[in-house]
Amino acid sequence: MASTTVNVVRYTALLSGVFYGITHRRTLQKEHDHEKKHHAIQEREHLIAEAKEAWKRKQEAGSNKDSIVTDPEDPKFDLEKLVAKWEKESK
């Protein structure tokens, strides 16, 4: 049989290990959550920047007088101009 001192040391080591594990897990989880939040913020900023660039390109393309409407539902749609544009691009 083990003495009471050995049992106390064993259980103290066991409880210390469990407490350390819980504390370490919380620390790792907190770091992971922070990194995940930071990544989501950066992703949103990247998407906003892309949307702003697309908006600028759309506004610049809309300001050209020779811009061609490719939407057949649009009343300004002209099939002849669209075919001519495609012919130019294919050359």
PDB file of N, CA and C in Angstrom:
ATOM      1  N   MET A   1       0.814  -1.175   0.000  1.00  0.00           N
ATOM      2  CA  MET A   1       0.000   0.000   0.000  1.00  0.00           C
ATOM      3  C   MET A   1       0.865   1.248   0.000  1.00  0.00           C
ATOM      4  N   ALA A   2       0.363   2.231  -0.686  1.00  0.00           N
ATOM      5  CA  ALA A   2       1.091   3.491  -0.758  1.00  0.00           C
ATOM      6  C   ALA A   2       0.783   4.316   0.483  1.00  0.00           C
ATOM      7  N   SER A   3       1.729   5.087   0.886  1.00  0.00           N
ATOM      8  CA  SER A   3       1.527   5.907   2.076  1.00  0.00           C
ATOM      9  C   SER A   3       0.629   7.094   1.737  1.00  0.00           C
ATOM     10  N   THR A   4       0.121   7.718   2.756  1.00  0.00           N
ATOM     11  CA  THR A   4      -0.773   8.856   2.537  1.00  0.00           C
ATOM     12  C   THR A   4      -0.041  10.020   1.894  1.00  0.00           C
ATOM     13  N   THR A   5       1.239  10.185   2.162  1.00  0.00           N
ATOM     14  CA  THR A   5       2.011  11.266   1.553  1.00  0.00           C
ATOM     15  C   THR A   5       2.083  11.074   0.044  1.00  0.00           C
ATOM     16  N   VAL A   6       2.320   9.856  -0.396  1.00  0.00           N
ATOM     17  CA  VAL A   6       2.402   9.558  -1.828  1.00  0.00           C
ATOM     18  C   VAL A   6       1.051   9.804  -2.484  1.00  0.00           C
ATOM     19  N   ASN A   7      -0.031   9.412  -1.843  1.00  0.00           N
ATOM     20  CA  ASN A   7      -1.366   9.645  -2.393  1.00  0.00           C
ATOM     21  C   ASN A   7      -1.669  11.142  -2.499  1.00  0.00           C
ATOM     22  N   VAL A   8      -1.283  11.904  -1.502  1.00  0.00           N
ATOM     23  CA  VAL A   8      -1.504  13.345  -1.540  1.00  0.00           C
ATOM     24  C   VAL A   8      -0.731  13.958  -2.701  1.00  0.00           C
ATOM     25  N   VAL A   9       0.518  13.538  -2.874  1.00  0.00           N
ATOM     26  CA  VAL A   9       1.334  14.055  -3.976  1.00  0.00           C
ATOM     27  C   VAL A   9       0.713  13.674  -5.317  1.00  0.00           C
ATOM     28  N   ARG A  10       0.255  12.442  -5.449  1.00  0.00           N
ATOM     29  CA  ARG A  10      -0.359  11.985  -6.703  1.00  0.00           C
ATOM     30  C   ARG A  10      -1.588  12.815  -7.051  1.00  0.00           C
ATOM     31  N   TYR A  11      -2.496  12.944  -6.088  1.00  0.00           N
ATOM     32  CA  TYR A  11      -3.724  13.677  -6.353  1.00  0.00           C
ATOM     33  C   TYR A  11      -3.473  15.170  -6.551  1.00  0.00           C
ATOM     34  N   THR A  12      -2.487  15.698  -5.848  1.00  0.00           N
ATOM     35  CA  THR A  12      -2.123  17.100  -6.053  1.00  0.00           C
ATOM     36  C   THR A  12      -1.594  17.302  -7.463  1.00  0.00           C
ATOM     37  N   ALA A  13      -0.745  16.390  -7.920  1.00  0.00           N
ATOM     38  CA  ALA A  13      -0.212  16.471  -9.281  1.00  0.00           C
ATOM     39  C   ALA A  13      -1.342  16.312 -10.301  1.00  0.00           C
ATOM     40  N   LEU A  14      -2.257  15.400 -10.049  1.00  0.00           N
ATOM     41  CA  LEU A  14      -3.372  15.180 -10.954  1.00  0.00           C
ATOM     42  C   LEU A  14      -4.251  16.431 -11.047  1.00  0.00           C
ATOM     43  N   LEU A  15      -4.634  16.989  -9.930  1.00  0.00           N
ATOM     44  CA  LEU A  15      -5.474  18.176  -9.927  1.00  0.00           C
ATOM     45  C   LEU A  15      -4.751  19.375 -10.520  1.00  0.00           C
ATOM     46  N   SER A  16      -3.452  19.474 -10.257  1.00  0.00           N
ATOM     47  CA  SER A  16      -2.673  20.572 -10.850  1.00  0.00           C
ATOM     48  C   SER A  16      -2.648  20.432 -12.366  1.00  0.00           C
ATOM     49  N   GLY A  17      -2.481  19.227 -12.855  1.00  0.00           N
ATOM     50  CA  GLY A  17      -2.472  18.991 -14.298  1.00  0.00           C
ATOM     51  C   GLY A  17      -3.809  19.311 -14.932  1.00  0.00           C
ATOM     52  N   VAL A  18      -4.893  18.940 -14.279  1.00  0.00           N
ATOM     53  CA  VAL A  18      -6.225  19.242 -14.794  1.00  0.00           C
ATOM     54  C   VAL A  18      -6.445  20.750 -14.813  1.00  0.00           C
ATOM     55  N   PHE A  19      -6.089  21.428 -13.733  1.00  0.00           N
ATOM     56  CA  PHE A  19      -6.234  22.879 -13.676  1.00  0.00           C
ATOM     57  C   PHE A  19      -5.396  23.555 -14.755  1.00  0.00           C
ATOM     58  N   TYR A  20      -4.147  23.098 -14.934  1.00  0.00           N
ATOM     59  CA  TYR A  20      -3.292  23.663 -15.977  1.00  0.00           C
ATOM     60  C   TYR A  20      -3.902  23.420 -17.360  1.00  0.00           C
ATOM     61  N   GLY A  21      -4.426  22.238 -17.599  1.00  0.00           N
ATOM     62  CA  GLY A  21      -5.041  21.920 -18.885  1.00  0.00           C
ATOM     63  C   GLY A  21      -6.224  22.827 -19.192  1.00  0.00           C
ATOM     64  N   ILE A  22      -7.060  23.046 -18.189  1.00  0.00           N
ATOM     65  CA  ILE A  22      -8.221  23.924 -18.383  1.00  0.00           C
ATOM     66  C   ILE A  22      -7.763  25.344 -18.690  1.00  0.00           C
ATOM     67  N   THR A  23      -6.794  25.834 -17.934  1.00  0.00           N
ATOM     68  CA  THR A  23      -6.291  27.189 -18.139  1.00  0.00           C
ATOM     69  C   THR A  23      -5.640  27.332 -19.508  1.00  0.00           C
ATOM     70  N   HIS A  24      -4.851  26.359 -19.887  1.00  0.00           N
ATOM     71  CA  HIS A  24      -4.163  26.410 -21.184  1.00  0.00           C
ATOM     72  C   HIS A  24      -5.170  26.366 -22.325  1.00  0.00           C
ATOM     73  N   ARG A  25      -6.177  25.536 -22.193  1.00  0.00           N
ATOM     74  CA  ARG A  25      -7.211  25.426 -23.223  1.00  0.00           C
ATOM     75  C   ARG A  25      -7.943  26.765 -23.394  1.00  0.00           C
ATOM     76  N   ARG A  26      -8.264  27.415 -22.294  1.00  0.00           N
ATOM     77  CA  ARG A  26      -8.937  28.715 -22.375  1.00  0.00           C
ATOM     78  C   ARG A  26      -8.056  29.744 -23.072  1.00  0.00           C
ATOM     79  N   THR A  27      -6.770  29.730 -22.756  1.00  0.00           N
ATOM     80  CA  THR A  27      -5.849  30.671 -23.388  1.00  0.00           C
ATOM     81  C   THR A  27      -5.774  30.426 -24.892  1.00  0.00           C
ATOM     82  N   LEU A  28      -5.635  29.168 -25.289  1.00  0.00           N
ATOM     83  CA  LEU A  28      -5.576  28.847 -26.714  1.00  0.00           C
ATOM     84  C   LEU A  28      -6.878  29.215 -27.420  1.00  0.00           C
ATOM     85  N   GLN A  29      -8.013  28.962 -26.773  1.00  0.00           N
ATOM     86  CA  GLN A  29      -9.309  29.276 -27.379  1.00  0.00           C
ATOM     87  C   GLN A  29      -9.466  30.779 -27.545  1.00  0.00           C
ATOM     88  N   LYS A  30      -9.022  31.547 -26.549  1.00  0.00           N
ATOM     89  CA  LYS A  30      -9.110  32.999 -26.626  1.00  0.00           C
ATOM     90  C   LYS A  30      -8.263  33.531 -27.774  1.00  0.00           C
ATOM     91  N   GLU A  31      -7.057  32.995 -27.939  1.00  0.00           N
ATOM     92  CA  GLU A  31      -6.190  33.410 -29.054  1.00  0.00           C
ATOM     93  C   GLU A  31      -6.810  33.045 -30.395  1.00  0.00           C
ATOM     94  N   HIS A  32      -7.391  31.858 -30.473  1.00  0.00           N
ATOM     95  CA  HIS A  32      -8.027  31.407 -31.717  1.00  0.00           C
ATOM     96  C   HIS A  32      -9.214  32.304 -32.067  1.00  0.00           C
ATOM     97  N   ASP A  33     -10.033  32.628 -31.082  1.00  0.00           N
ATOM     98  CA  ASP A  33     -11.187  33.499 -31.331  1.00  0.00           C
ATOM     99  C   ASP A  33     -10.742  34.881 -31.793  1.00  0.00           C
ATOM    100  N   HIS A  34      -9.684  35.391 -31.176  1.00  0.00           N
ATOM    101  CA  HIS A  34      -9.162  36.702 -31.570  1.00  0.00           C
ATOM    102  C   HIS A  34      -8.654  36.663 -33.015  1.00  0.00           C
ATOM    103  N   GLU A  35      -7.928  35.622 -33.365  1.00  0.00           N
ATOM    104  CA  GLU A  35      -7.397  35.484 -34.721  1.00  0.00           C
ATOM    105  C   GLU A  35      -8.529  35.330 -35.736  1.00  0.00           C
ATOM    106  N   LYS A  36      -9.554  34.581 -35.373  1.00  0.00           N
ATOM    107  CA  LYS A  36     -10.704  34.387 -36.259  1.00  0.00           C
ATOM    108  C   LYS A  36     -11.428  35.708 -36.498  1.00  0.00           C
ATOM    109  N   LYS A  37     -11.611  36.490 -35.441  1.00  0.00           N
ATOM    110  CA  LYS A  37     -12.268  37.785 -35.556  1.00  0.00           C
ATOM    111  C   LYS A  37     -11.428  38.730 -36.416  1.00  0.00           C
ATOM    112  N   HIS A  38     -10.117  38.720 -36.204  1.00  0.00           N
ATOM    113  CA  HIS A  38      -9.213  39.573 -36.975  1.00  0.00           C
ATOM    114  C   HIS A  38      -9.265  39.196 -38.459  1.00  0.00           C
ATOM    115  N   HIS A  39      -9.294  37.913 -38.749  1.00  0.00           N
ATOM    116  CA  HIS A  39      -9.356  37.437 -40.136  1.00  0.00           C
ATOM    117  C   HIS A  39     -10.675  37.855 -40.787  1.00  0.00           C
ATOM    118  N   ALA A  40     -11.777  37.758 -40.044  1.00  0.00           N
ATOM    119  CA  ALA A  40     -13.077  38.155 -40.592  1.00  0.00           C
ATOM    120  C   ALA A  40     -13.102  39.649 -40.906  1.00  0.00           C
ATOM    121  N   ILE A  41     -12.509  40.446 -40.040  1.00  0.00           N
ATOM    122  CA  ILE A  41     -12.466  41.887 -40.278  1.00  0.00           C
ATOM    123  C   ILE A  41     -11.653  42.194 -41.524  1.00  0.00           C
ATOM    124  N   GLN A  42     -10.494  41.554 -41.655  1.00  0.00           N
ATOM    125  CA  GLN A  42      -9.659  41.781 -42.839  1.00  0.00           C
ATOM    126  C   GLN A  42     -10.373  41.329 -44.102  1.00  0.00           C
ATOM    127  N   GLU A  43     -11.085  40.236 -44.042  1.00  0.00           N
ATOM    128  CA  GLU A  43     -11.821  39.738 -45.209  1.00  0.00           C
ATOM    129  C   GLU A  43     -12.894  40.741 -45.626  1.00  0.00           C
ATOM    130  N   ARG A  44     -13.620  41.300 -44.636  1.00  0.00           N
ATOM    131  CA  ARG A  44     -14.635  42.301 -44.951  1.00  0.00           C
ATOM    132  C   ARG A  44     -14.010  43.543 -45.573  1.00  0.00           C
ATOM    133  N   GLU A  45     -12.880  43.980 -45.025  1.00  0.00           N
ATOM    134  CA  GLU A  45     -12.206  45.150 -45.587  1.00  0.00           C
ATOM    135  C   GLU A  45     -11.765  44.886 -47.021  1.00  0.00           C
ATOM    136  N   HIS A  46     -11.290  43.673 -47.279  1.00  0.00           N
ATOM    137  CA  HIS A  46     -10.874  43.307 -48.635  1.00  0.00           C
ATOM    138  C   HIS A  46     -12.074  43.316 -49.584  1.00  0.00           C
ATOM    139  N   LEU A  47     -13.192  42.767 -49.149  1.00  0.00           N
ATOM    140  CA  LEU A  47     -14.390  42.746 -49.994  1.00  0.00           C
ATOM    141  C   LEU A  47     -14.914  44.154 -50.248  1.00  0.00           C
ATOM    142  N   ILE A  48     -14.845  45.006 -49.246  1.00  0.00           N
ATOM    143  CA  ILE A  48     -15.287  46.394 -49.425  1.00  0.00           C
ATOM    144  C   ILE A  48     -14.398  47.102 -50.433  1.00  0.00           C
ATOM    145  N   ALA A  49     -13.084  46.879 -50.341  1.00  0.00           N
ATOM    146  CA  ALA A  49     -12.158  47.499 -51.291  1.00  0.00           C
ATOM    147  C   ALA A  49     -12.433  47.013 -52.714  1.00  0.00           C
ATOM    148  N   GLU A  50     -12.684  45.710 -52.872  1.00  0.00           N
ATOM    149  CA  GLU A  50     -13.013  45.174 -54.196  1.00  0.00           C
ATOM    150  C   GLU A  50     -14.313  45.789 -54.724  1.00  0.00           C
ATOM    151  N   ALA A  51     -15.299  45.937 -53.859  1.00  0.00           N
ATOM    152  CA  ALA A  51     -16.570  46.507 -54.281  1.00  0.00           C
ATOM    153  C   ALA A  51     -16.388  47.967 -54.710  1.00  0.00           C
ATOM    154  N   LYS A  52     -15.557  48.707 -53.986  1.00  0.00           N
ATOM    155  CA  LYS A  52     -15.304  50.098 -54.365  1.00  0.00           C
ATOM    156  C   LYS A  52     -14.618  50.182 -55.722  1.00  0.00           C
ATOM    157  N   GLU A  53     -13.654  49.294 -55.968  1.00  0.00           N
ATOM    158  CA  GLU A  53     -12.970  49.270 -57.267  1.00  0.00           C
ATOM    159  C   GLU A  53     -13.950  48.916 -58.385  1.00  0.00           C
ATOM    160  N   ALA A  54     -14.817  47.933 -58.136  1.00  0.00           N
ATOM    161  CA  ALA A  54     -15.801  47.546 -59.147  1.00  0.00           C
ATOM    162  C   ALA A  54     -16.758  48.701 -59.417  1.00  0.00           C
ATOM    163  N   TRP A  55     -17.140  49.416 -58.369  1.00  0.00           N
ATOM    164  CA  TRP A  55     -18.031  50.565 -58.542  1.00  0.00           C
ATOM    165  C   TRP A  55     -17.364  51.649 -59.383  1.00  0.00           C
ATOM    166  N   LYS A  56     -16.071  51.909 -59.113  1.00  0.00           N
ATOM    167  CA  LYS A  56     -15.340  52.909 -59.896  1.00  0.00           C
ATOM    168  C   LYS A  56     -15.277  52.503 -61.364  1.00  0.00           C
ATOM    169  N   ARG A  57     -14.964  51.222 -61.612  1.00  0.00           N
ATOM    170  CA  ARG A  57     -14.896  50.749 -63.003  1.00  0.00           C
ATOM    171  C   ARG A  57     -16.256  50.866 -63.675  1.00  0.00           C
ATOM    172  N   LYS A  58     -17.304  50.548 -62.945  1.00  0.00           N
ATOM    173  CA  LYS A  58     -18.650  50.634 -63.510  1.00  0.00           C
ATOM    174  C   LYS A  58     -19.009  52.082 -63.830  1.00  0.00           C
ATOM    175  N   GLN A  59     -18.658  52.996 -62.940  1.00  0.00           N
ATOM    176  CA  GLN A  59     -18.949  54.405 -63.179  1.00  0.00           C
ATOM    177  C   GLN A  59     -18.150  54.935 -64.364  1.00  0.00           C
ATOM    178  N   GLU A  60     -16.885  54.514 -64.466  1.00  0.00           N
ATOM    179  CA  GLU A  60     -16.064  54.951 -65.597  1.00  0.00           C
ATOM    180  C   GLU A  60     -16.592  54.375 -66.901  1.00  0.00           C
ATOM    181  N   ALA A  61     -17.018  53.124 -66.873  1.00  0.00           N
ATOM    182  CA  ALA A  61     -17.560  52.506 -68.081  1.00  0.00           C
ATOM    183  C   ALA A  61     -18.891  53.141 -68.460  1.00  0.00           C
ATOM    184  N   GLY A  62     -19.671  53.534 -67.472  1.00  0.00           N
ATOM    185  CA  GLY A  62     -20.962  54.167 -67.747  1.00  0.00           C
ATOM    186  C   GLY A  62     -20.805  55.567 -68.279  1.00  0.00           C
ATOM    187  N   SER A  63     -19.677  56.207 -67.982  1.00  0.00           N
ATOM    188  CA  SER A  63     -19.480  57.575 -68.449  1.00  0.00           C
ATOM    189  C   SER A  63     -19.024  57.627 -69.907  1.00  0.00           C
ATOM    190  N   ASN A  64     -18.545  56.508 -70.437  1.00  0.00           N
ATOM    191  CA  ASN A  64     -18.161  56.471 -71.853  1.00  0.00           C
ATOM    192  C   ASN A  64     -19.408  56.556 -72.716  1.00  0.00           C
ATOM    193  N   LYS A  65     -19.347  57.389 -73.752  1.00  0.00           N
ATOM    194  CA  LYS A  65     -20.504  57.555 -74.626  1.00  0.00           C
ATOM    195  C   LYS A  65     -20.688  56.367 -75.567  1.00  0.00           C
ATOM    196  N   ASP A  66     -19.614  55.660 -75.864  1.00  0.00           N
ATOM    197  CA  ASP A  66     -19.706  54.532 -76.780  1.00  0.00           C
ATOM    198  C   ASP A  66     -19.857  53.201 -76.040  1.00  0.00           C
ATOM    199  N   SER A  67     -20.261  53.252 -74.784  1.00  0.00           N
ATOM    200  CA  SER A  67     -20.435  52.010 -74.039  1.00  0.00           C
ATOM    201  C   SER A  67     -21.608  51.232 -74.622  1.00  0.00           C
ATOM    202  N   ILE A  68     -21.471  49.935 -74.620  1.00  0.00           N
ATOM    203  CA  ILE A  68     -22.473  49.078 -75.236  1.00  0.00           C
ATOM    204  C   ILE A  68     -23.237  48.358 -74.143  1.00  0.00           C
ATOM    205  N   VAL A  69     -24.546  48.371 -74.245  1.00  0.00           N
ATOM    206  CA  VAL A  69     -25.409  47.712 -73.281  1.00  0.00           C
ATOM    207  C   VAL A  69     -25.534  46.252 -73.696  1.00  0.00           C
ATOM    208  N   THR A  70     -25.221  45.340 -72.781  1.00  0.00           N
ATOM    209  CA  THR A  70     -25.271  43.915 -73.107  1.00  0.00           C
ATOM    210  C   THR A  70     -26.497  43.227 -72.518  1.00  0.00           C
ATOM    211  N   ASP A  71     -27.309  43.950 -71.785  1.00  0.00           N
ATOM    212  CA  ASP A  71     -28.512  43.384 -71.182  1.00  0.00           C
ATOM    213  C   ASP A  71     -29.658  43.469 -72.181  1.00  0.00           C
ATOM    214  N   PRO A  72     -30.188  42.341 -72.663  1.00  0.00           N
ATOM    215  CA  PRO A  72     -31.266  42.381 -73.651  1.00  0.00           C
ATOM    216  C   PRO A  72     -32.568  42.961 -73.106  1.00  0.00           C
ATOM    217  N   GLU A  73     -32.723  43.024 -71.795  1.00  0.00           N
ATOM    218  CA  GLU A  73     -33.931  43.582 -71.199  1.00  0.00           C
ATOM    219  C   GLU A  73     -33.895  45.113 -71.174  1.00  0.00           C
ATOM    220  N   ASP A  74     -32.715  45.687 -71.340  1.00  0.00           N
ATOM    221  CA  ASP A  74     -32.550  47.142 -71.291  1.00  0.00           C
ATOM    222  C   ASP A  74     -33.119  47.774 -72.552  1.00  0.00           C
ATOM    223  N   PRO A  75     -33.846  48.887 -72.420  1.00  0.00           N
ATOM    224  CA  PRO A  75     -34.411  49.528 -73.611  1.00  0.00           C
ATOM    225  C   PRO A  75     -33.344  50.111 -74.544  1.00  0.00           C
ATOM    226  N   LYS A  76     -32.145  50.348 -74.035  1.00  0.00           N
ATOM    227  CA  LYS A  76     -31.062  50.893 -74.862  1.00  0.00           C
ATOM    228  C   LYS A  76     -30.249  49.795 -75.562  1.00  0.00           C
ATOM    229  N   PHE A  77     -30.670  48.547 -75.424  1.00  0.00           N
ATOM    230  CA  PHE A  77     -29.938  47.426 -76.011  1.00  0.00           C
ATOM    231  C   PHE A  77     -29.973  47.492 -77.537  1.00  0.00           C
ATOM    232  N   ASP A  78     -28.778  47.345 -78.150  1.00  0.00           N
ATOM    233  CA  ASP A  78     -28.681  47.356 -79.615  1.00  0.00           C
ATOM    234  C   ASP A  78     -27.861  46.139 -80.025  1.00  0.00           C
ATOM    235  N   LEU A  79     -28.501  45.183 -80.662  1.00  0.00           N
ATOM    236  CA  LEU A  79     -27.862  43.931 -81.032  1.00  0.00           C
ATOM    237  C   LEU A  79     -26.753  44.154 -82.058  1.00  0.00           C
ATOM    238  N   GLU A  80     -26.944  45.054 -82.993  1.00  0.00           N
ATOM    239  CA  GLU A  80     -25.935  45.308 -84.035  1.00  0.00           C
ATOM    240  C   GLU A  80     -24.632  45.832 -83.413  1.00  0.00           C
ATOM    241  N   LYS A  81     -24.739  46.743 -82.461  1.00  0.00           N
ATOM    242  CA  LYS A  81     -23.541  47.265 -81.797  1.00  0.00           C
ATOM    243  C   LYS A  81     -22.835  46.165 -81.010  1.00  0.00           C
ATOM    244  N   LEU A  82     -23.610  45.309 -80.356  1.00  0.00           N
ATOM    245  CA  LEU A  82     -23.024  44.218 -79.581  1.00  0.00           C
ATOM    246  C   LEU A  82     -22.283  43.236 -80.486  1.00  0.00           C
ATOM    247  N   VAL A  83     -22.863  42.880 -81.621  1.00  0.00           N
ATOM    248  CA  VAL A  83     -22.209  41.963 -82.564  1.00  0.00           C
ATOM    249  C   VAL A  83     -20.949  42.619 -83.122  1.00  0.00           C
ATOM    250  N   ALA A  84     -21.001  43.915 -83.434  1.00  0.00           N
ATOM    251  CA  ALA A  84     -19.828  44.615 -83.929  1.00  0.00           C
ATOM    252  C   ALA A  84     -18.713  44.619 -82.882  1.00  0.00           C
ATOM    253  N   LYS A  85     -19.064  44.800 -81.624  1.00  0.00           N
ATOM    254  CA  LYS A  85     -18.071  44.770 -80.558  1.00  0.00           C
ATOM    255  C   LYS A  85     -17.429  43.392 -80.462  1.00  0.00           C
ATOM    256  N   TRP A  86     -18.236  42.329 -80.534  1.00  0.00           N
ATOM    257  CA  TRP A  86     -17.711  40.978 -80.470  1.00  0.00           C
ATOM    258  C   TRP A  86     -16.784  40.685 -81.657  1.00  0.00           C
ATOM    259  N   GLU A  87     -17.120  41.205 -82.817  1.00  0.00           N
ATOM    260  CA  GLU A  87     -16.278  41.007 -83.989  1.00  0.00           C
ATOM    261  C   GLU A  87     -14.919  41.698 -83.797  1.00  0.00           C
ATOM    262  N   LYS A  88     -14.939  42.895 -83.218  1.00  0.00           N
ATOM    263  CA  LYS A  88     -13.682  43.605 -82.955  1.00  0.00           C
ATOM    264  C   LYS A  88     -12.816  42.838 -81.971  1.00  0.00           C
ATOM    265  N   GLU A  89     -13.435  42.302 -80.923  1.00  0.00           N
ATOM    266  CA  GLU A  89     -12.696  41.577 -79.893  1.00  0.00           C
ATOM    267  C   GLU A  89     -12.113  40.278 -80.413  1.00  0.00           C
ATOM    268  N   SER A  90     -12.783  39.637 -81.352  1.00  0.00           N
ATOM    269  CA  SER A  90     -12.320  38.343 -81.852  1.00  0.00           C
ATOM    270  C   SER A  90     -11.136  38.491 -82.802  1.00  0.00           C
ATOM    271  N   LYS A  91     -10.880  39.700 -83.323  1.00  0.00           N
ATOM    272  CA  LYS A  91      -9.768  39.903 -84.272  1.00  0.00           C
ATOM    273  C   LYS A  91      -8.476  40.020 -83.573  1.00  0.00           C
TER     274      LYS A  91
END
